[in-house]
Amino acid sequence: MSSNLLKSLIAVLAIPIISACGGSGSPPPSVTTQTTVGTITAFGSVVVNGIRFDDSTARITMDDALTTRDRLRLGMVVQVRGQINANGTGAASSIQYNDCVQGPITAMNQVQNTVTVLGQTVHIDDSTVFDGVTLRDMNSFAVGDQVEISCLRDQARSQIRATRMERQGAFQNGVSELEVKGTVANLNLAAGTCTIDGLVVNFSGVAAANRPNGLINGMTVEAGGRNLANGVLLAEQLRDRDRDRISYPDGEGLEVEGYVSDFVSIANFKVAGQLVNGANAVIRNGTVADIANGVKVEADGTVSNGVLVASVLVLKLQTSVSVEAGMQSKDTAANTITLLGRAIKVNVDTEWRDRLASPRQPTVISLAALNPADRLEVKAYKDANGTLVATRVERTEADTLVVVKGPADAKVPATQLTISGIGVATGANTRYRDLIGVLVDATTFYSSVQVPPALPTIVHARGVVANLATNVVDATRAVSSIGELEISKD
């Protein structure tokens, strides 16, 4: 029996046990050697795709340079090679990380939730982890910031989807590190120039011996330097990244997180560039009909003739609701937590982490370990029955700020807005912002907010509550300086 088929059966029979363990880590697989490609979701040691890997003896590299495990961060997309233990945990022999792009933000689009870095358009969503900022959202960044971005590439839509974005201070040309990875085009070997996903790169200063062998259009490379002149990256390094596409031996385990591309049928598609056959896979969070180009999945199985024969396909559903507040109660039998009067379901695929002891390398926490009044940051989606299902639960430091983001259910102009079943009271001093963040008056804001039966508008609300039992967020600014509502894209 494959690892995740067993995991699915256990999930059905004993969800309370699994959710209490804090993740969707694999039970004993049919193979012991495995490569796991995915996003770091917690530490203690390091958790990737729900598997907790002991990284104490692992060889860890970042952009080909040896480093230490204390530099690993949430949201980094890594490749973990190791052994799977009998209890479903892992022991990593190597962990490899390469960022997607590093450089200055040159443009921001709040409507589309994108930033432009070295000519690359990077898409931000609710799964993106923000680092080096206070609010941990897109509003904390500005044009001119130096950032490092880890990503999963949505090849079907030619998009870069940020899993992590870290602010590293203000960009300083000639000082700040610049890196871009992508496909070579418009190659001129004589002049030493090319474009990498649209960015012009001048690599004439890189000695021929230090250039990738057989450099041609279509090759995947990484260019690095410290100077950006009139939109041209002056490269000091040019590395071959096609060699990162390693070959996996037959019979070994492979688990890959990414976006579906080149979909022909359930038996023939790619995830993060890896060919997958999911014809006999157990599908979680959806059906065969939901597997299509651009869908984010986690594929787990074994390798046969270069194909990942999946035993399990997990659809990684996009969240539509965010809640940040003190937990009012929990029900370990029903696998729910309640915040602001709204019950939220947790399941085998929920990511759990605790930022209290180590904000930058949070550890795994469980439903059983949560206490009333713990401040939680929850990301969730609404299932077919209207139930909110958590994709991520984080315990954070206590804060008076309460946040709700989601589709608007109902409105009483200038008085109250209901967001995903949670009431938000507004008043004369409430601040309102439109889709691009510009301050507007209450009449303009409420006129812009659509509620059912129309397609509901996504609204991001900040406020306070009088006490833990309060179910309505106070954004009136009558009792505090906090109270703001903003229209969001997603």
Protein backbone atom coordinates (compact mmCIF):
# COMPACT_ATOMS: atom_id res chain seq x y z
CA MET A 1 0.00 0.00 0.00
CA SER A 2 1.41 3.43 -0.92
CA SER A 3 2.15 6.07 1.73
CA ASN A 4 -0.62 8.50 0.97
CA LEU A 5 -3.24 5.85 0.23
CA LEU A 6 -2.64 4.70 3.78
CA LYS A 7 -2.72 8.34 4.88
CA SER A 8 -6.10 8.81 3.21
CA LEU A 9 -7.57 5.75 4.91
CA ILE A 10 -6.25 6.90 8.28
CA ALA A 11 -7.65 10.36 7.57
CA VAL A 12 -11.11 8.90 7.14
CA LEU A 13 -10.93 6.63 10.18
CA ALA A 14 -9.06 8.83 12.63
CA ILE A 15 -9.02 12.48 11.67
CA PRO A 16 -8.88 13.67 15.29
CA ILE A 17 -5.62 11.78 15.80
CA ILE A 18 -3.99 13.19 12.68
CA SER A 19 -5.11 16.75 13.14
CA ALA A 20 -3.88 16.65 16.71
CA CYS A 21 -0.45 15.71 15.38
CA GLY A 22 -0.39 18.96 13.49
CA GLY A 23 -0.10 18.17 9.82
CA SER A 24 -0.51 15.79 6.90
CA GLY A 25 2.82 13.96 7.25
CA SER A 26 3.01 10.63 5.44
CA PRO A 27 2.63 7.33 7.31
CA PRO A 28 5.08 4.56 6.45
CA PRO A 29 5.60 4.45 2.68
CA SER A 30 6.34 1.38 0.57
CA VAL A 31 9.79 2.80 -0.20
CA THR A 32 12.32 4.24 2.23
CA THR A 33 14.23 6.62 -0.02
CA GLN A 34 12.28 9.69 -1.07
CA THR A 35 12.69 13.09 -2.64
CA THR A 36 10.22 15.73 -1.54
CA VAL A 37 9.84 19.01 -3.43
CA GLY A 38 7.68 21.61 -1.77
CA THR A 39 7.27 24.55 0.58
CA ILE A 40 8.58 24.65 4.14
CA THR A 41 5.52 24.98 6.37
CA ALA A 42 7.02 24.58 9.87
CA PHE A 43 10.10 23.59 11.83
CA GLY A 44 11.24 21.22 14.54
CA SER A 45 13.02 19.83 12.50
CA VAL A 46 11.81 20.95 9.05
CA VAL A 47 8.34 20.19 7.67
CA VAL A 48 7.77 19.94 3.91
CA ASN A 49 4.54 18.63 2.36
CA GLY A 50 3.44 17.49 5.81
CA ILE A 51 6.52 15.32 6.44
CA ARG A 52 8.71 16.26 9.40
CA PHE A 53 12.34 15.70 8.41
CA ASP A 54 15.17 15.52 10.92
CA ASP A 55 17.65 17.97 9.38
CA SER A 56 20.37 17.70 12.05
CA THR A 57 22.84 15.93 9.73
CA ALA A 58 21.56 17.21 6.38
CA ARG A 59 23.79 18.91 3.83
CA ILE A 60 22.02 22.25 3.28
CA THR A 61 22.71 24.52 0.31
CA MET A 62 21.29 27.86 -0.77
CA ASP A 63 22.05 28.90 -4.34
CA ASP A 64 24.81 26.24 -4.44
CA ALA A 65 26.54 27.54 -1.29
CA LEU A 66 26.76 25.43 1.86
CA THR A 67 24.83 26.93 4.76
CA THR A 68 23.33 26.04 8.13
CA ARG A 69 19.80 24.98 8.96
CA ASP A 70 19.11 28.10 11.04
CA ARG A 71 18.89 30.03 7.73
CA LEU A 72 15.93 28.03 6.48
CA ARG A 73 12.65 29.96 6.56
CA LEU A 74 8.92 29.46 6.16
CA GLY A 75 7.74 29.57 2.55
CA MET A 76 11.05 28.51 1.00
CA VAL A 77 10.55 25.97 -1.79
CA VAL A 78 13.12 23.25 -1.19
CA GLN A 79 14.14 19.86 -2.49
CA VAL A 80 14.63 17.38 0.35
CA ARG A 81 16.38 14.07 -0.21
CA GLY A 82 16.25 11.50 2.56
CA GLN A 83 14.91 8.38 4.20
CA ILE A 84 11.39 7.84 5.47
CA ASN A 85 11.14 6.27 8.91
CA ALA A 86 8.69 3.59 9.96
CA ASN A 87 6.59 6.18 11.85
CA GLY A 88 6.20 8.39 8.77
CA THR A 89 8.76 11.01 9.76
CA GLY A 90 11.88 11.53 7.68
CA ALA A 91 15.62 11.95 7.99
CA ALA A 92 17.00 14.41 5.46
CA SER A 93 20.39 13.79 3.89
CA SER A 94 20.25 16.97 1.82
CA ILE A 95 18.11 20.11 1.56
CA GLN A 96 18.52 22.37 -1.47
CA TYR A 97 17.07 25.87 -1.79
CA ASN A 98 17.23 28.27 -4.73
CA ASP A 99 15.25 31.50 -4.77
CA CYS A 100 13.31 32.58 -7.86
CA VAL A 101 14.34 36.21 -8.05
CA GLN A 102 16.16 38.73 -5.86
CA GLY A 103 16.28 42.44 -6.50
CA PRO A 104 14.35 45.72 -6.24
CA ILE A 105 10.61 46.10 -6.55
CA THR A 106 10.11 48.37 -9.56
CA ALA A 107 6.31 48.25 -9.74
CA MET A 108 3.32 47.18 -7.64
CA ASN A 109 -0.22 46.45 -8.76
CA GLN A 110 -2.64 46.26 -5.84
CA VAL A 111 -5.54 45.36 -8.15
CA GLN A 112 -3.79 42.31 -9.58
CA ASN A 113 -1.81 41.55 -6.39
CA THR A 114 1.51 41.59 -8.24
CA VAL A 115 4.97 43.05 -7.83
CA THR A 116 7.61 43.44 -10.52
CA VAL A 117 11.19 42.44 -9.68
CA LEU A 118 13.94 42.43 -12.34
CA GLY A 119 11.29 42.39 -15.03
CA GLN A 120 9.51 39.40 -13.48
CA THR A 121 5.83 39.74 -12.61
CA VAL A 122 5.30 37.96 -9.30
CA HIS A 123 1.81 37.05 -8.10
CA ILE A 124 0.97 37.31 -4.40
CA ASP A 125 -1.86 35.42 -2.69
CA ASP A 126 -3.04 34.36 0.77
CA SER A 127 -0.56 31.48 0.87
CA THR A 128 2.45 33.81 0.47
CA VAL A 129 4.62 34.06 3.58
CA PHE A 130 5.94 37.59 4.25
CA ASP A 131 9.19 38.18 6.12
CA GLY A 132 11.15 41.25 7.17
CA VAL A 133 7.95 43.30 7.60
CA THR A 134 5.56 44.02 10.46
CA LEU A 135 2.08 43.49 9.02
CA ARG A 136 3.03 40.47 6.91
CA ASP A 137 0.98 41.57 3.92
CA MET A 138 1.56 43.29 0.59
CA ASN A 139 0.85 46.73 2.06
CA SER A 140 4.15 46.51 3.97
CA PHE A 141 6.20 46.68 0.74
CA ALA A 142 7.01 49.60 -1.54
CA VAL A 143 8.75 50.35 -4.82
CA GLY A 144 12.49 50.44 -4.18
CA ASP A 145 12.48 47.68 -1.57
CA GLN A 146 15.09 44.95 -2.02
CA VAL A 147 13.31 41.58 -1.84
CA GLU A 148 14.05 37.90 -2.14
CA ILE A 149 11.24 35.73 -3.51
CA SER A 150 10.73 31.99 -3.41
CA CYS A 151 8.10 30.66 -5.76
CA LEU A 152 6.24 27.90 -7.49
CA ARG A 153 5.94 28.44 -11.24
CA ASP A 154 2.52 28.16 -12.81
CA GLN A 155 3.76 27.18 -16.25
CA ALA A 156 0.30 26.77 -17.76
CA ARG A 157 -0.40 30.47 -17.14
CA SER A 158 3.22 31.64 -17.41
CA GLN A 159 3.05 32.99 -13.86
CA ILE A 160 5.41 33.15 -10.91
CA ARG A 161 3.46 32.48 -7.69
CA ALA A 162 5.29 33.71 -4.60
CA THR A 163 5.44 31.30 -1.67
CA ARG A 164 7.65 33.70 0.31
CA MET A 165 8.66 37.35 -0.06
CA GLU A 166 11.26 38.84 2.26
CA ARG A 167 12.10 42.52 2.53
CA GLN A 168 15.88 42.96 2.82
CA GLY A 169 15.97 46.74 3.15
CA ALA A 170 16.27 49.48 0.53
CA PHE A 171 17.85 48.54 -2.81
CA GLN A 172 21.36 49.92 -3.33
CA ASN A 173 22.69 49.59 -6.86
CA GLY A 174 26.19 48.17 -6.85
CA VAL A 175 25.71 46.73 -3.35
CA SER A 176 22.49 44.70 -3.23
CA GLU A 177 22.56 41.17 -4.65
CA LEU A 178 20.63 40.63 -7.88
CA GLU A 179 19.54 37.20 -9.09
CA VAL A 180 17.12 36.04 -11.74
CA LYS A 181 16.31 32.54 -12.98
CA GLY A 182 14.53 31.61 -16.15
CA THR A 183 14.72 30.67 -19.80
CA VAL A 184 17.33 32.10 -22.18
CA ALA A 185 16.12 33.90 -25.30
CA ASN A 186 17.58 36.34 -27.83
CA LEU A 187 21.05 34.93 -27.21
CA ASN A 188 23.99 36.80 -28.76
CA LEU A 189 27.15 34.95 -27.79
CA ALA A 190 29.43 37.42 -29.55
CA ALA A 191 28.02 40.38 -27.65
CA GLY A 192 27.49 38.41 -24.45
CA THR A 193 23.83 39.30 -24.11
CA CYS A 194 20.48 37.55 -23.81
CA THR A 195 17.12 37.92 -22.18
CA ILE A 196 15.94 35.82 -19.25
CA ASP A 197 12.17 35.78 -19.16
CA GLY A 198 12.19 39.28 -20.67
CA LEU A 199 14.99 40.81 -18.60
CA VAL A 200 18.01 41.94 -20.64
CA VAL A 201 21.21 40.42 -19.25
CA ASN A 202 24.74 41.45 -20.23
CA PHE A 203 27.09 38.59 -19.32
CA SER A 204 30.07 39.79 -21.37
CA GLY A 205 32.03 40.20 -18.13
CA VAL A 206 31.68 36.50 -17.31
CA ALA A 207 34.68 34.52 -18.55
CA ALA A 208 33.85 31.91 -21.19
CA ALA A 209 35.10 29.16 -18.88
CA ASN A 210 32.58 30.23 -16.24
CA ARG A 211 29.58 30.23 -18.57
CA PRO A 212 27.24 27.22 -18.88
CA ASN A 213 28.48 24.62 -21.36
CA GLY A 214 26.52 24.67 -24.59
CA LEU A 215 24.63 27.86 -23.76
CA ILE A 216 21.65 28.07 -26.12
CA ASN A 217 18.20 29.61 -26.31
CA GLY A 218 15.74 27.63 -24.22
CA MET A 219 18.26 26.71 -21.53
CA THR A 220 17.30 27.42 -17.91
CA VAL A 221 19.93 29.59 -16.24
CA GLU A 222 20.56 31.83 -13.25
CA ALA A 223 22.20 35.23 -13.69
CA GLY A 224 23.61 37.12 -10.73
CA GLY A 225 25.32 40.44 -10.14
CA ARG A 226 25.11 43.72 -8.24
CA ASN A 227 24.57 46.31 -10.95
CA LEU A 228 21.41 47.26 -12.80
CA ALA A 229 22.02 49.82 -15.56
CA ASN A 230 19.01 51.20 -17.47
CA GLY A 231 17.08 48.02 -16.88
CA VAL A 232 19.98 45.76 -17.90
CA LEU A 233 21.46 43.30 -15.40
CA LEU A 234 25.26 43.31 -15.58
CA ALA A 235 25.93 39.68 -14.74
CA GLU A 236 28.91 38.56 -12.70
CA GLN A 237 27.72 34.94 -12.71
CA LEU A 238 25.81 32.79 -15.18
CA ARG A 239 24.88 29.29 -14.02
CA ASP A 240 23.21 26.33 -15.68
CA ARG A 241 19.96 25.46 -13.93
CA ASP A 242 18.89 22.69 -16.30
CA ARG A 243 21.14 20.46 -14.21
CA ASP A 244 18.74 20.95 -11.31
CA ARG A 245 16.31 18.71 -13.14
CA ILE A 246 17.60 15.54 -11.54
CA SER A 247 16.64 12.05 -12.65
CA TYR A 248 14.87 9.94 -10.04
CA PRO A 249 15.65 6.20 -9.92
CA ASP A 250 12.81 3.78 -10.59
CA GLY A 251 11.04 2.59 -7.48
CA GLU A 252 11.97 5.58 -5.33
CA GLY A 253 9.41 7.75 -3.63
CA LEU A 254 8.73 11.22 -4.98
CA GLU A 255 6.41 13.91 -3.65
CA VAL A 256 6.02 17.16 -5.59
CA GLU A 257 4.03 20.31 -4.82
CA GLY A 258 3.25 22.64 -7.70
CA TYR A 259 0.89 23.70 -10.45
CA VAL A 260 -0.51 21.42 -13.13
CA SER A 261 0.63 22.03 -16.71
CA ASP A 262 0.58 20.18 -20.06
CA PHE A 263 -2.60 18.39 -19.01
CA VAL A 264 -3.68 15.72 -21.49
CA SER A 265 -5.54 13.38 -19.17
CA ILE A 266 -5.47 12.24 -15.55
CA ALA A 267 -2.83 9.74 -16.69
CA ASN A 268 -0.67 12.32 -18.45
CA PHE A 269 0.15 15.75 -17.04
CA LYS A 270 2.97 17.61 -15.31
CA VAL A 271 3.40 19.09 -11.83
CA ALA A 272 6.29 21.54 -11.47
CA GLY A 273 7.71 20.12 -14.69
CA GLN A 274 7.54 16.51 -13.48
CA LEU A 275 5.50 14.08 -15.61
CA VAL A 276 2.70 12.50 -13.54
CA ASN A 277 0.31 9.60 -14.01
CA GLY A 278 -2.60 9.98 -11.60
CA ALA A 279 -4.92 7.40 -13.15
CA ASN A 280 -5.05 5.29 -9.98
CA ALA A 281 -4.53 8.04 -7.42
CA VAL A 282 -6.76 8.77 -4.48
CA ILE A 283 -7.84 12.40 -4.93
CA ARG A 284 -8.39 14.57 -1.88
CA ASN A 285 -10.28 17.88 -1.75
CA GLY A 286 -11.82 17.32 -5.18
CA THR A 287 -12.39 14.90 -8.03
CA VAL A 288 -10.74 13.92 -11.31
CA ALA A 289 -12.72 16.69 -13.00
CA ASP A 290 -10.91 19.27 -10.86
CA ILE A 291 -7.42 18.33 -12.12
CA ALA A 292 -6.60 20.85 -14.86
CA ASN A 293 -3.92 23.25 -16.00
CA GLY A 294 -3.17 25.91 -13.40
CA VAL A 295 -4.52 23.90 -10.45
CA LYS A 296 -2.19 23.64 -7.44
CA VAL A 297 -1.68 20.08 -6.24
CA GLU A 298 0.59 17.81 -4.25
CA ALA A 299 1.40 14.56 -6.05
CA ASP A 300 2.82 11.62 -4.07
CA GLY A 301 3.89 8.22 -5.33
CA THR A 302 6.78 6.31 -6.86
CA VAL A 303 8.89 6.78 -9.97
CA SER A 304 8.62 4.48 -12.99
CA ASN A 305 10.53 5.24 -16.19
CA GLY A 306 10.81 8.91 -15.21
CA VAL A 307 7.07 9.23 -14.49
CA LEU A 308 5.69 9.92 -11.02
CA VAL A 309 2.98 7.28 -10.62
CA ALA A 310 0.82 9.01 -8.05
CA SER A 311 -0.95 7.13 -5.28
CA VAL A 312 -2.43 10.37 -3.93
CA LEU A 313 -3.23 13.74 -5.46
CA VAL A 314 -4.12 16.50 -2.99
CA LEU A 315 -5.75 19.63 -4.38
CA LYS A 316 -4.30 22.67 -2.60
CA LEU A 317 -7.38 24.85 -2.57
CA GLN A 318 -7.06 28.62 -2.69
CA THR A 319 -8.19 30.30 0.50
CA SER A 320 -10.90 32.94 0.40
CA VAL A 321 -11.20 33.76 4.11
CA SER A 322 -8.71 35.01 6.71
CA VAL A 323 -9.41 35.51 10.41
CA GLU A 324 -7.00 36.83 13.05
CA ALA A 325 -8.44 36.83 16.55
CA GLY A 326 -8.45 35.09 19.92
CA MET A 327 -9.80 31.54 19.88
CA GLN A 328 -13.11 31.30 21.74
CA SER A 329 -13.33 27.51 21.85
CA LYS A 330 -12.28 24.24 20.24
CA ASP A 331 -13.96 20.89 19.71
CA THR A 332 -11.46 18.04 19.34
CA ALA A 333 -14.24 15.57 18.53
CA ALA A 334 -15.67 17.68 15.71
CA ASN A 335 -12.22 19.01 14.71
CA THR A 336 -13.27 22.67 14.86
CA ILE A 337 -12.01 25.92 16.29
CA THR A 338 -14.27 28.92 16.87
CA LEU A 339 -13.21 32.54 16.36
CA LEU A 340 -15.61 35.52 16.41
CA GLY A 341 -18.52 33.11 16.64
CA ARG A 342 -17.55 31.28 13.44
CA ALA A 343 -16.70 27.57 13.61
CA ILE A 344 -13.82 26.59 11.31
CA LYS A 345 -13.10 22.97 10.44
CA VAL A 346 -9.56 21.54 10.55
CA ASN A 347 -8.52 18.35 8.74
CA VAL A 348 -5.58 16.20 7.72
CA ASP A 349 -4.36 18.81 5.22
CA THR A 350 -4.41 21.77 7.61
CA GLU A 351 -0.96 23.27 8.23
CA TRP A 352 -0.27 23.97 11.91
CA ARG A 353 2.43 26.20 13.33
CA ASP A 354 3.33 28.11 16.47
CA ARG A 355 5.15 31.45 16.20
CA LEU A 356 5.33 32.16 19.95
CA ALA A 357 8.74 30.62 20.70
CA SER A 358 10.39 31.29 17.34
CA PRO A 359 8.64 33.71 14.96
CA ARG A 360 11.04 33.10 12.05
CA GLN A 361 11.21 29.32 12.46
CA PRO A 362 7.83 28.42 13.98
CA THR A 363 7.31 24.89 15.21
CA VAL A 364 4.40 22.54 14.68
CA ILE A 365 1.49 22.84 17.07
CA SER A 366 -1.64 20.69 17.45
CA LEU A 367 -5.32 21.26 18.03
CA ALA A 368 -4.95 19.64 21.44
CA ALA A 369 -2.31 22.18 22.48
CA LEU A 370 -4.44 25.25 21.77
CA ASN A 371 -5.96 27.18 24.66
CA PRO A 372 -8.91 29.60 24.81
CA ALA A 373 -7.80 33.17 24.10
CA ASP A 374 -4.79 32.00 22.04
CA ARG A 375 -4.45 34.46 19.16
CA LEU A 376 -4.73 32.56 15.90
CA GLU A 377 -4.21 33.53 12.28
CA VAL A 378 -6.37 31.25 10.16
CA LYS A 379 -6.57 30.85 6.38
CA ALA A 380 -9.64 28.99 5.13
CA TYR A 381 -11.85 28.18 2.17
CA LYS A 382 -15.59 27.52 2.02
CA ASP A 383 -16.54 23.99 0.98
CA ALA A 384 -19.63 22.92 -0.95
CA ASN A 385 -21.67 22.83 2.27
CA GLY A 386 -20.69 26.37 3.23
CA THR A 387 -18.35 25.18 6.00
CA LEU A 388 -15.09 27.05 6.49
CA VAL A 389 -12.15 24.66 6.25
CA ALA A 390 -8.74 25.80 7.48
CA THR A 391 -5.71 25.38 5.24
CA ARG A 392 -3.43 27.00 7.83
CA VAL A 393 -3.63 27.72 11.58
CA GLU A 394 -0.90 29.78 13.26
CA ARG A 395 -0.63 30.73 16.91
CA THR A 396 0.88 34.20 17.30
CA GLU A 397 1.59 36.75 20.00
CA ALA A 398 -1.37 38.46 21.67
CA ASP A 399 -2.55 41.59 19.89
CA THR A 400 -5.57 43.89 20.16
CA LEU A 401 -5.85 43.96 16.36
CA VAL A 402 -8.60 41.74 14.92
CA VAL A 403 -8.67 41.00 11.19
CA VAL A 404 -11.32 39.48 8.95
CA LYS A 405 -10.98 39.07 5.19
CA GLY A 406 -13.45 37.37 2.88
CA PRO A 407 -16.52 37.76 0.67
CA ALA A 408 -19.20 40.18 1.84
CA ASP A 409 -22.46 38.45 2.83
CA ALA A 410 -24.62 41.46 3.69
CA LYS A 411 -24.38 45.20 4.32
CA VAL A 412 -26.14 48.00 6.13
CA PRO A 413 -24.46 51.06 4.58
CA ALA A 414 -22.24 53.01 6.97
CA THR A 415 -23.32 50.80 9.90
CA GLN A 416 -22.35 47.16 9.44
CA LEU A 417 -20.82 44.74 6.95
CA THR A 418 -21.01 40.96 7.30
CA ILE A 419 -17.92 39.13 6.02
CA SER A 420 -18.10 35.31 5.79
CA GLY A 421 -20.61 35.22 8.61
CA ILE A 422 -18.71 37.65 10.85
CA GLY A 423 -20.14 41.09 11.58
CA VAL A 424 -18.03 44.25 11.33
CA ALA A 425 -19.46 47.44 12.83
CA THR A 426 -18.51 50.72 11.14
CA GLY A 427 -19.07 54.35 12.07
CA ALA A 428 -18.34 57.99 11.31
CA ASN A 429 -14.59 57.64 11.95
CA THR A 430 -14.00 54.35 10.13
CA ARG A 431 -11.45 54.55 7.34
CA TYR A 432 -12.38 53.09 3.96
CA ARG A 433 -10.09 52.24 1.05
CA ASP A 434 -10.87 51.23 -2.52
CA LEU A 435 -9.27 48.44 -4.57
CA ILE A 436 -6.02 50.35 -5.07
CA GLY A 437 -5.75 51.50 -1.47
CA VAL A 438 -7.00 55.06 -1.90
CA LEU A 439 -9.04 56.51 0.97
CA VAL A 440 -12.73 56.98 0.05
CA ASP A 441 -15.84 58.01 1.97
CA ALA A 442 -18.40 55.62 3.43
CA THR A 443 -20.96 56.17 0.67
CA THR A 444 -18.45 55.38 -2.08
CA PHE A 445 -17.16 52.33 -0.25
CA TYR A 446 -20.52 50.75 0.54
CA SER A 447 -21.75 51.45 -3.00
CA SER A 448 -18.75 49.51 -4.31
CA VAL A 449 -19.34 46.47 -2.11
CA GLN A 450 -21.49 43.81 -3.78
CA VAL A 451 -23.37 41.18 -1.77
CA PRO A 452 -25.34 38.09 -2.86
CA PRO A 453 -27.09 37.41 -5.15
CA ALA A 454 -24.43 39.45 -6.96
CA LEU A 455 -20.85 38.17 -6.97
CA PRO A 456 -19.69 39.18 -3.48
CA THR A 457 -16.86 41.65 -3.04
CA ILE A 458 -13.80 40.57 -1.04
CA VAL A 459 -13.29 42.95 1.90
CA HIS A 460 -10.36 43.20 4.32
CA ALA A 461 -11.45 44.60 7.70
CA ARG A 462 -9.38 45.57 10.76
CA GLY A 463 -10.75 46.45 14.17
CA VAL A 464 -10.96 45.41 17.83
CA VAL A 465 -13.29 43.45 20.09
CA ALA A 466 -14.43 44.27 23.61
CA ASN A 467 -13.71 40.76 24.94
CA LEU A 468 -13.19 37.18 23.82
CA ALA A 469 -16.93 36.43 23.69
CA THR A 470 -17.60 39.30 21.26
CA ASN A 471 -18.63 38.16 17.77
CA VAL A 472 -18.78 41.56 16.07
CA VAL A 473 -15.58 43.36 15.12
CA ASP A 474 -15.58 47.03 16.15
CA ALA A 475 -14.10 49.09 13.30
CA THR A 476 -15.83 52.33 14.36
CA ARG A 477 -12.69 53.86 15.95
CA ALA A 478 -14.93 54.91 18.84
CA VAL A 479 -12.93 52.95 21.43
CA SER A 480 -9.58 52.59 19.66
CA SER A 481 -7.47 53.95 16.81
CA ILE A 482 -8.03 50.75 14.81
CA GLY A 483 -10.82 50.60 12.29
CA GLU A 484 -10.35 50.23 8.55
CA LEU A 485 -12.05 48.42 5.67
CA GLU A 486 -10.47 47.86 2.27
CA ILE A 487 -11.74 46.26 -0.91
CA SER A 488 -9.44 43.42 -1.96
CA LYS A 489 -8.97 41.43 -5.15
CA ASP A 490 -8.67 38.08 -3.37
